[in-house]
Protein backbone atom coordinates (compact mmCIF):
# COMPACT_ATOMS: atom_id res chain seq x y z
CA MET A 1 0.00 0.00 0.00
CA VAL A 2 2.83 2.36 0.93
CA LYS A 3 4.63 1.50 -2.31
CA LYS A 4 1.53 2.33 -4.38
CA PHE A 5 1.14 5.62 -2.53
CA VAL A 6 4.76 6.57 -3.23
CA MET A 7 4.32 5.75 -6.92
CA PHE A 8 1.15 7.87 -7.02
CA VAL A 9 2.92 10.82 -5.40
CA THR A 10 5.84 10.45 -7.85
CA VAL A 11 3.51 10.58 -10.84
CA ILE A 12 1.79 13.67 -9.46
CA CYS A 13 5.14 15.39 -8.83
CA VAL A 14 6.34 14.70 -12.36
CA ALA A 15 3.12 16.06 -13.81
CA LEU A 16 3.39 19.20 -11.67
CA PHE A 17 7.07 19.61 -12.57
CA PHE A 18 6.29 19.82 -16.27
CA ALA A 19 3.01 21.69 -15.87
CA GLY A 20 4.96 24.93 -16.14
CA VAL A 21 5.72 24.28 -19.78
CA SER A 22 2.09 24.36 -20.86
CA HIS A 23 0.42 26.99 -18.68
CA ALA A 24 -1.39 30.12 -19.84
CA GLY A 25 -2.06 28.76 -23.31
CA VAL A 26 1.61 28.12 -24.11
CA VAL A 27 3.59 24.92 -24.66
CA LYS A 28 7.31 25.48 -24.26
CA ILE A 29 10.13 23.30 -25.54
CA GLY A 30 13.86 23.96 -25.53
CA ALA A 31 16.39 24.34 -28.32
CA VAL A 32 20.19 24.36 -28.08
CA GLN A 33 21.61 25.79 -31.29
CA PRO A 34 25.09 27.04 -32.34
CA LEU A 35 24.09 30.69 -32.64
CA SER A 36 27.71 31.78 -32.19
CA GLY A 37 31.12 30.12 -32.48
CA ASN A 38 32.58 27.89 -35.21
CA LEU A 39 29.24 26.31 -36.12
CA ALA A 40 27.27 29.55 -36.34
CA VAL A 41 27.55 29.24 -40.13
CA TYR A 42 25.04 26.42 -39.72
CA GLY A 43 23.16 27.59 -36.64
CA GLN A 44 21.46 30.65 -38.05
CA GLY A 45 19.89 28.55 -40.81
CA PHE A 46 18.78 25.94 -38.27
CA LYS A 47 17.02 28.61 -36.22
CA MET A 48 15.34 30.08 -39.29
CA ALA A 49 13.91 26.66 -40.19
CA ILE A 50 12.74 26.03 -36.63
CA ASP A 51 11.09 29.44 -36.46
CA LEU A 52 9.38 28.90 -39.81
CA ALA A 53 7.89 25.56 -38.71
CA THR A 54 6.84 27.03 -35.36
CA ALA A 55 5.09 29.95 -37.05
CA GLU A 56 3.20 27.55 -39.33
CA ILE A 57 2.13 25.38 -36.40
CA ASN A 58 0.88 28.36 -34.40
CA ALA A 59 -0.95 29.77 -37.42
CA LYS A 60 -2.94 26.52 -37.55
CA GLY A 61 -3.94 26.57 -33.90
CA GLY A 62 -0.74 25.53 -32.17
CA ILE A 63 -0.75 22.49 -29.89
CA ASN A 64 -4.41 21.74 -29.23
CA GLY A 65 -5.13 25.44 -29.07
CA LYS A 66 -1.98 26.39 -27.16
CA LYS A 67 0.86 28.39 -28.70
CA LEU A 68 4.14 26.53 -29.27
CA GLU A 69 7.10 28.48 -27.94
CA ILE A 70 10.79 27.68 -28.43
CA VAL A 71 13.16 28.59 -25.59
CA TYR A 72 16.54 29.07 -27.26
CA GLU A 73 19.94 28.64 -25.65
CA ASP A 74 23.24 29.18 -27.46
CA GLY A 75 25.37 26.04 -27.40
CA LYS A 76 28.17 28.01 -29.11
CA GLY A 77 29.17 24.91 -31.05
CA THR A 78 31.00 23.32 -28.09
CA ALA A 79 30.24 20.37 -25.82
CA LYS A 80 30.85 22.42 -22.68
CA ASP A 81 28.44 25.18 -23.63
CA SER A 82 25.87 22.72 -24.97
CA VAL A 83 25.88 20.90 -21.62
CA ALA A 84 25.42 24.17 -19.73
CA ALA A 85 22.56 25.15 -22.04
CA VAL A 86 20.80 21.81 -21.64
CA ARG A 87 21.12 21.90 -17.86
CA LYS A 88 19.53 25.35 -17.80
CA LEU A 89 16.64 24.26 -19.99
CA ILE A 90 16.00 21.23 -17.77
CA ASP A 91 16.61 22.74 -14.32
CA ILE A 92 15.37 26.30 -14.81
CA ASN A 93 12.98 26.25 -17.76
CA LYS A 94 11.76 22.72 -17.00
CA VAL A 95 11.13 21.82 -20.62
CA PRO A 96 10.00 18.26 -21.48
CA LEU A 97 11.85 18.18 -24.81
CA ILE A 98 14.99 19.74 -26.29
CA LEU A 99 15.87 20.23 -29.93
CA GLY A 100 19.44 19.12 -29.49
CA PRO A 101 22.75 20.72 -30.46
CA ALA A 102 24.46 20.31 -33.81
CA ALA A 103 27.57 18.13 -34.16
CA SER A 104 27.65 14.59 -32.82
CA THR A 105 30.22 15.40 -30.12
CA ASN A 106 27.92 18.04 -28.64
CA PHE A 107 24.84 15.88 -29.04
CA LEU A 108 26.50 12.89 -27.36
CA ALA A 109 27.69 15.14 -24.52
CA VAL A 110 24.14 16.15 -23.62
CA ALA A 111 22.38 12.84 -24.37
CA PRO A 112 23.20 11.22 -20.97
CA ILE A 113 21.92 14.31 -19.16
CA CYS A 114 18.59 14.19 -20.97
CA GLU A 115 18.37 10.41 -20.60
CA ASN A 116 18.96 10.57 -16.84
CA ALA A 117 16.46 13.41 -16.45
CA HIS A 118 13.91 11.61 -18.64
CA VAL A 119 13.72 14.60 -20.99
CA VAL A 120 13.30 13.91 -24.72
CA LEU A 121 16.27 14.92 -26.87
CA ILE A 122 15.86 15.09 -30.63
CA GLY A 123 18.37 16.16 -33.27
CA ALA A 124 18.33 17.20 -36.90
CA GLU A 125 22.02 17.01 -37.89
CA SER A 126 24.01 14.65 -35.64
CA ALA A 127 24.95 11.47 -37.47
CA SER A 128 27.40 9.51 -35.26
CA PRO A 129 26.59 5.78 -35.11
CA ALA A 130 27.00 5.99 -31.31
CA ILE A 131 23.77 8.01 -31.05
CA THR A 132 21.79 4.89 -31.97
CA LYS A 133 22.42 3.52 -28.47
CA ALA A 134 22.29 6.85 -26.60
CA GLY A 135 19.05 6.10 -24.77
CA ALA A 136 15.29 5.63 -24.84
CA TYR A 137 14.63 9.38 -24.79
CA VAL A 138 16.98 10.15 -27.70
CA PHE A 139 15.79 10.59 -31.30
CA ARG A 140 17.08 12.09 -34.55
CA VAL A 141 15.51 12.86 -37.91
CA PHE A 142 18.91 12.72 -39.64
CA PRO A 143 20.30 9.33 -40.74
CA SER A 144 23.22 7.59 -39.04
CA ASP A 145 26.68 7.64 -40.56
CA LYS A 146 26.38 3.88 -40.84
CA LEU A 147 24.50 4.76 -44.00
CA GLN A 148 26.60 7.72 -45.16
CA GLY A 149 29.95 5.99 -44.55
CA LYS A 150 28.82 3.20 -46.82
CA GLY A 151 27.66 5.78 -49.35
CA VAL A 152 31.05 7.53 -49.42
CA ALA A 153 32.81 4.18 -49.90
CA GLU A 154 30.48 3.31 -52.78
CA LEU A 155 31.11 6.71 -54.39
CA VAL A 156 34.90 6.31 -54.22
CA GLU A 157 34.59 2.82 -55.70
CA LYS A 158 32.20 4.03 -58.43
CA LEU A 159 34.66 6.76 -59.42
CA GLY A 160 37.30 4.06 -59.86
CA TYR A 161 39.71 4.94 -57.05
CA LYS A 162 41.40 2.06 -55.23
CA LYS A 163 43.76 3.96 -52.91
CA VAL A 164 42.88 7.08 -50.90
CA PRO A 165 44.06 8.91 -47.78
CA VAL A 166 41.32 10.08 -45.38
CA LEU A 167 41.40 13.48 -43.68
CA TYR A 168 38.74 13.81 -40.97
CA ILE A 169 37.71 16.19 -38.23
CA ASN A 170 38.77 14.80 -34.86
CA ASN A 171 35.37 14.58 -33.19
CA ASP A 172 32.62 12.00 -32.82
CA TRP A 173 31.09 12.78 -36.20
CA GLY A 174 34.38 12.70 -38.07
CA LYS A 175 35.71 9.59 -36.36
CA GLY A 176 32.42 7.73 -36.67
CA LEU A 177 32.04 8.49 -40.37
CA LYS A 178 35.71 7.73 -41.03
CA ASP A 179 35.48 4.34 -39.32
CA VAL A 180 32.40 3.31 -41.29
CA PHE A 181 33.97 4.49 -44.55
CA VAL A 182 37.24 2.62 -43.90
CA ALA A 183 35.40 -0.58 -42.96
CA ASN A 184 33.27 -0.52 -46.11
CA PHE A 185 36.04 0.62 -48.47
CA THR A 186 38.62 -1.96 -47.35
CA LYS A 187 36.01 -4.71 -47.28
CA LYS A 188 35.68 -4.30 -51.04
CA GLY A 189 39.41 -4.31 -51.65
CA GLY A 190 40.19 -0.62 -51.34
CA LYS A 191 43.32 0.61 -49.57
CA VAL A 192 43.40 3.52 -47.12
CA LEU A 193 46.80 5.19 -47.48
CA ALA A 194 46.53 7.15 -44.23
CA GLU A 195 43.95 8.21 -41.63
CA ILE A 196 44.71 11.84 -40.78
CA PRO A 197 42.76 13.63 -38.03
CA TYR A 198 42.56 17.42 -37.70
CA ASP A 199 41.27 19.70 -34.94
CA GLN A 200 38.40 22.07 -35.59
CA GLY A 201 38.83 25.85 -35.69
CA LYS A 202 42.50 26.09 -36.66
CA THR A 203 43.91 28.46 -39.27
CA ASP A 204 46.67 26.21 -40.59
CA TYR A 205 46.28 22.63 -41.79
CA ARG A 206 49.42 22.42 -43.90
CA ALA A 207 50.97 19.71 -41.73
CA GLN A 208 48.04 17.39 -42.41
CA LEU A 209 47.93 18.34 -46.08
CA LEU A 210 51.64 17.64 -46.55
CA GLN A 211 50.98 14.10 -45.31
CA ILE A 212 48.47 13.74 -48.12
CA LYS A 213 50.75 15.37 -50.71
CA ARG A 214 53.53 12.86 -50.19
CA PHE A 215 51.23 10.11 -51.52
CA ASN A 216 50.38 12.17 -54.62
CA PRO A 217 46.96 10.47 -54.56
CA LYS A 218 44.55 10.53 -57.48
CA ALA A 219 41.74 11.04 -54.93
CA ALA A 220 41.42 11.89 -51.24
CA VAL A 221 38.51 11.74 -48.82
CA ALA A 222 37.94 14.85 -46.68
CA LEU A 223 35.32 14.60 -43.92
CA VAL A 224 35.09 18.28 -43.02
CA TYR A 225 32.79 21.05 -41.84
CA VAL A 226 32.27 24.23 -43.89
CA LYS A 227 34.65 26.70 -42.18
CA ASP A 228 37.45 24.18 -41.65
CA GLY A 229 36.91 22.76 -45.10
CA ALA A 230 37.29 26.19 -46.71
CA VAL A 231 40.68 26.64 -45.03
CA ILE A 232 41.78 23.10 -45.89
CA PHE A 233 40.83 23.23 -49.57
CA LYS A 234 42.35 26.68 -50.08
CA GLN A 235 45.63 25.60 -48.48
CA ALA A 236 45.63 22.38 -50.50
CA TYR A 237 45.22 24.47 -53.66
CA GLU A 238 48.10 26.73 -52.59
CA LEU A 239 50.29 23.68 -51.92
CA GLY A 240 49.64 22.41 -55.43
CA ILE A 241 47.79 19.28 -54.33
CA LYS A 242 45.99 18.07 -57.42
CA THR A 243 43.56 15.38 -56.39
CA GLN A 244 39.89 14.55 -56.61
CA TRP A 245 38.50 15.59 -53.24
CA ILE A 246 35.54 13.53 -51.98
CA ALA A 247 33.54 14.80 -48.99
CA GLY A 248 30.44 14.11 -46.93
CA SER A 249 27.17 15.96 -46.43
CA ALA A 250 28.51 18.52 -43.91
CA ALA A 251 30.51 20.21 -46.68
CA LYS A 252 27.56 20.51 -49.06
CA SER A 253 27.03 24.24 -48.69
CA GLY A 254 27.09 27.29 -50.89
CA LYS A 255 28.96 28.96 -48.04
CA LEU A 256 31.90 26.60 -48.61
CA VAL A 257 31.99 27.53 -52.30
CA LYS A 258 31.85 31.22 -51.39
CA LEU A 259 34.69 30.90 -48.87
CA ALA A 260 36.98 28.60 -50.88
CA GLY A 261 36.24 29.71 -54.43
CA LYS A 262 38.13 27.95 -57.21
CA ALA A 263 39.85 25.70 -54.67
CA VAL A 264 36.69 23.57 -54.42
CA GLU A 265 35.85 23.42 -58.12
CA GLY A 266 35.25 19.74 -58.90
CA LEU A 267 34.76 18.77 -55.26
CA THR A 268 32.24 15.93 -54.93
CA GLY A 269 30.57 14.03 -52.12
CA THR A 270 27.50 12.28 -50.78
CA TYR A 271 24.42 13.56 -48.99
CA PRO A 272 21.16 12.14 -47.60
CA ALA A 273 18.94 12.45 -50.65
CA PHE A 274 15.36 13.65 -50.79
CA SER A 275 13.29 15.04 -53.61
CA ASN A 276 13.22 18.79 -54.13
CA THR A 277 10.31 18.41 -56.52
CA SER A 278 7.88 16.78 -54.10
CA PRO A 279 4.77 18.70 -53.03
CA ALA A 280 6.14 18.83 -49.45
CA TYR A 281 9.42 20.37 -50.58
CA LYS A 282 7.76 22.87 -52.90
CA ALA A 283 5.47 24.00 -50.06
CA PHE A 284 8.46 24.36 -47.74
CA ALA A 285 10.47 26.34 -50.31
CA ALA A 286 7.52 28.66 -50.96
CA ALA A 287 7.01 29.22 -47.22
CA TRP A 288 10.72 29.91 -46.77
CA LYS A 289 10.71 32.48 -49.57
CA LYS A 290 7.61 34.16 -48.18
CA LYS A 291 9.14 34.50 -44.71
CA TYR A 292 12.80 35.13 -45.59
CA GLY A 293 12.78 36.50 -49.12
CA ASP A 294 15.85 35.67 -51.17
CA LYS A 295 17.87 34.24 -48.27
CA LYS A 296 19.08 30.80 -49.32
CA ILE A 297 17.80 27.71 -47.59
CA GLY A 298 20.58 26.71 -45.21
CA ILE A 299 22.26 23.33 -45.06
CA PHE A 300 20.12 20.84 -43.07
CA ALA A 301 17.36 23.46 -42.68
CA GLU A 302 14.84 20.99 -44.10
CA TYR A 303 15.65 18.47 -41.36
CA ASN A 304 15.08 21.08 -38.64
CA TYR A 305 11.77 21.99 -40.25
CA ASP A 306 10.62 18.35 -40.30
CA MET A 307 11.81 17.85 -36.73
CA VAL A 308 9.62 20.64 -35.35
CA HIS A 309 6.54 19.48 -37.23
CA LEU A 310 7.03 15.94 -35.89
CA VAL A 311 7.49 17.25 -32.36
CA ALA A 312 4.29 19.30 -32.67
CA ARG A 313 2.37 16.19 -33.72
CA ALA A 314 3.78 14.27 -30.75
CA LEU A 315 2.88 17.07 -28.33
CA ALA A 316 -0.66 17.17 -29.67
CA LYS A 317 -1.07 13.40 -29.34
CA GLY A 318 0.92 12.62 -26.20
CA GLY A 319 0.77 15.83 -24.17
CA ALA A 320 3.61 17.98 -22.84
CA THR A 321 5.29 15.36 -20.65
CA PRO A 322 8.49 13.52 -21.63
CA ASP A 323 6.94 10.06 -21.51
CA GLY A 324 3.89 11.21 -23.42
CA ILE A 325 6.08 12.80 -26.09
CA ARG A 326 8.45 9.83 -26.28
CA LYS A 327 5.65 7.32 -26.84
CA ALA A 328 3.81 9.60 -29.26
CA LEU A 329 6.91 10.21 -31.43
CA TYR A 330 6.92 6.56 -32.51
CA LYS A 331 3.23 6.72 -33.36
CA VAL A 332 3.13 10.03 -35.24
CA SER A 333 6.32 9.30 -37.20
CA LYS A 334 5.01 6.05 -38.64
CA GLY A 335 4.51 6.69 -42.32
CA TYR A 336 5.08 10.42 -41.92
CA VAL A 337 6.67 11.79 -45.09
CA GLY A 338 8.12 15.24 -44.58
CA VAL A 339 10.28 17.51 -46.70
CA THR A 340 13.23 15.13 -46.18
CA GLY A 341 11.28 11.95 -46.84
CA ASP A 342 10.01 9.16 -44.59
CA LYS A 343 10.61 10.01 -40.92
CA THR A 344 9.43 6.74 -39.39
CA PHE A 345 11.51 6.05 -36.28
CA ASP A 346 12.91 2.57 -35.68
CA SER A 347 13.17 1.13 -32.17
CA ASN A 348 16.34 3.17 -31.54
CA GLY A 349 14.82 6.50 -32.57
CA ASP A 350 16.70 6.46 -35.90
CA VAL A 351 15.46 7.08 -39.45
CA GLY A 352 16.60 5.69 -42.78
CA SER A 353 17.67 7.47 -45.95
CA ALA A 354 18.80 7.08 -49.52
CA TYR A 355 22.02 8.81 -50.57
CA GLY A 356 22.79 11.02 -53.54
CA VAL A 357 25.90 12.67 -54.99
CA TRP A 358 26.72 16.37 -55.08
CA SER A 359 29.53 18.22 -56.78
CA VAL A 360 30.80 21.75 -57.40
CA LYS A 361 30.65 22.81 -61.02
CA ASP A 362 31.23 26.34 -62.29
CA GLY A 363 31.00 27.65 -58.74
CA LYS A 364 27.64 26.04 -58.04
CA ILE A 365 26.54 22.93 -56.16
CA ILE A 366 24.89 20.34 -58.41
CA SER A 367 22.98 17.50 -56.73
CA LYS A 368 22.00 14.14 -58.16
CA ARG A 369 19.95 11.45 -56.50
């Protein structure tokens, strides 16, 4: 009897704890985004997509008549600041769900905190394979690098290259993608000449590039972010490294082309593919243009947009408590086709994806499915 009473009191306390997020006709959720720092080149576009989706949801009546409100915290693109931001959202703002930080290292740093607090964490960019096992309260609408690593290996093989060095950012995303690529590439007879890590945010990567130059490779894999990639490709060009650079989805940005110029002409890579001619995409693009004018759709903006619409559906179905949201996410995602395709979650909170190829031609990014 005492045990049942304690359980009853616990349930009541949890409900009261999260009641603050849905009072006065408002449902609040948190968002940790890189609004400053090295990843701000991505973060502003993420926020624009989140704001666009939120505005659409509220224009259609919000969450069962209540306005959806996003409480933003700046993760500054670092694990330390992302952790501080998540703790504030949980302890002070008492949100039941957090739109998690970009970059797998940052996402993985906050995942245990959310898991232990039983607060739902959902991401729209983080791709590390380790996220699959991060916990029952952890979701992502972006596919795992288990898929992209295989895609990069298949692209290198399709282009006819048998030997390549791999340059990769030394964080969870870079290491995870590199490991999957190496495993798939060598399994099919390819040879990795060298695995060369680099640290984010530096201004000189010549030491790493000289390691690549000594092989004089016909092709080289570069798993880079936009700002670092711009520095790397420009310095490679200056060093006279003539190779076919092959990258991943994080480099697929007009900003990279703008920063690196002719140094990235011919660059190619893979990306999670979705149709930009579907009715869902056309509606998204029209809504973006109406709200933001001629500002280009940022990299991964579509995933952030889909994420918020899925979260809104889960809030409407399951209520503004973590367990209600967590259970509802599986239900509302089943068969849900957003701008970025099918967002059905598997038992680990992951989604699938097909992969396409992108390249830089005449200063523009050309994508093929």
